[in-house]
Amino acid sequence: MAAPTRDSIEQAQKRVDQAKARLAALNARVAAEGRRLDTRRKIILGGLLIDAAAKDKRFAGIVSELTHRISRDQDRKPFEGWTLPGEDR
C-alpha cells in the first residue's frame, strides 16, 4: 500500500466530517421527535385532567392545588383569571 498523500488525508477527513454531520442531524431528529411526543403527552394528559376536574370535585381540588404550586411567573400568567369549566356554576 502506498503512503497516504495529503489529498487522500483531506478526502478522508472530509468523509469523516460529513459522517459526523449526518450523525448530528440524526441525533437532532431523534431529540426533536422525543420532545414532540413529550409535548403531545402533556397536552393530552392536561386535557384529560381538566375534563376530569370539571366532572369530579376530587380532581378539581387536585387541579386547584397544582395551579397554586406554579412558581414561575411565565408559567402562572396563562392561568390568571382562568377557572375550570363548570366551576362558575
Protein backbone atom coordinates (compact mmCIF):
# COMPACT_ATOMS: atom_id res chain seq x y z
CA MET A 1 0.00 0.00 0.00
CA ALA A 2 1.30 3.41 -0.95
CA ALA A 3 1.96 6.07 1.64
CA PRO A 4 -1.01 8.37 2.24
CA THR A 5 -0.93 11.64 0.36
CA ARG A 6 -2.08 14.98 1.64
CA ASP A 7 -5.02 14.80 -0.79
CA SER A 8 -6.13 11.36 0.42
CA ILE A 9 -5.91 12.53 4.04
CA GLU A 10 -8.03 15.61 3.24
CA GLN A 11 -10.61 13.46 1.44
CA ALA A 12 -10.77 11.03 4.36
CA GLN A 13 -11.17 13.94 6.80
CA LYS A 14 -13.96 15.35 4.62
CA ARG A 15 -15.78 11.99 4.71
CA VAL A 16 -15.37 11.83 8.50
CA ASP A 17 -16.73 15.38 8.87
CA GLN A 18 -19.70 14.56 6.62
CA ALA A 19 -20.44 11.40 8.61
CA LYS A 20 -20.29 13.39 11.86
CA ALA A 21 -22.70 15.95 10.38
CA ARG A 22 -25.12 13.18 9.33
CA LEU A 23 -24.91 11.66 12.81
CA ALA A 24 -25.56 15.02 14.45
CA ALA A 25 -28.58 15.58 12.17
CA LEU A 26 -29.98 12.14 13.03
CA ASN A 27 -29.49 12.77 16.76
CA ALA A 28 -31.24 16.13 16.42
CA ARG A 29 -34.19 14.46 14.66
CA VAL A 30 -34.46 11.83 17.40
CA ALA A 31 -34.38 14.55 20.09
CA ALA A 32 -36.98 16.63 18.25
CA GLU A 33 -39.28 13.63 17.92
CA GLY A 34 -38.87 12.90 21.63
CA ARG A 35 -39.79 16.50 22.51
CA ARG A 36 -42.77 16.37 20.14
CA LEU A 37 -44.10 13.19 21.76
CA ASP A 38 -43.49 14.60 25.25
CA THR A 39 -45.44 17.75 24.37
CA ARG A 40 -48.28 15.69 22.88
CA ARG A 41 -48.49 13.54 26.03
CA LYS A 42 -48.61 16.64 28.24
CA ILE A 43 -51.38 18.20 26.16
CA ILE A 44 -53.47 15.02 26.16
CA LEU A 45 -52.94 14.42 29.88
CA GLY A 46 -53.75 18.06 30.66
CA GLY A 47 -56.98 17.82 28.67
CA LEU A 48 -57.95 14.63 30.46
CA LEU A 49 -57.22 16.21 33.85
CA ILE A 50 -59.25 19.33 33.06
CA ASP A 51 -62.15 17.19 31.82
CA ALA A 52 -62.00 15.03 34.95
CA ALA A 53 -61.85 18.13 37.16
CA ALA A 54 -64.97 19.54 35.51
CA LYS A 55 -66.84 16.33 36.40
CA ASP A 56 -65.34 15.35 39.76
CA LYS A 57 -64.60 17.58 42.76
CA ARG A 58 -61.62 15.43 43.78
CA PHE A 59 -59.89 16.20 40.50
CA ALA A 60 -60.97 19.84 40.74
CA GLY A 61 -59.17 20.03 44.08
CA ILE A 62 -56.06 18.48 42.57
CA VAL A 63 -56.06 20.96 39.66
CA SER A 64 -56.56 23.83 42.09
CA GLU A 65 -53.65 22.62 44.24
CA LEU A 66 -51.41 22.15 41.22
CA THR A 67 -52.13 25.60 39.82
CA HIS A 68 -51.34 27.13 43.21
CA ARG A 69 -47.95 25.38 43.17
CA ILE A 70 -46.83 27.12 39.98
CA SER A 71 -43.78 29.13 40.94
CA ARG A 72 -42.56 30.74 37.72
CA ASP A 73 -44.32 33.95 36.65
CA GLN A 74 -44.23 32.96 32.98
CA ASP A 75 -45.99 29.69 33.84
CA ARG A 76 -48.51 31.33 36.17
CA LYS A 77 -49.56 34.02 33.69
CA PRO A 78 -51.73 31.78 31.41
CA PHE A 79 -53.78 30.78 34.48
CA GLU A 80 -54.59 34.33 35.63
CA GLY A 81 -58.37 34.63 35.67
CA TRP A 82 -58.81 31.05 34.46
CA THR A 83 -61.37 28.79 36.09
CA LEU A 84 -62.21 25.17 35.45
CA PRO A 85 -65.06 24.57 33.04
CA GLY A 86 -68.24 24.28 35.08
CA GLU A 87 -66.64 25.91 38.13
CA ASP A 88 -68.58 29.14 37.75
CA ARG A 89 -71.92 27.41 38.40
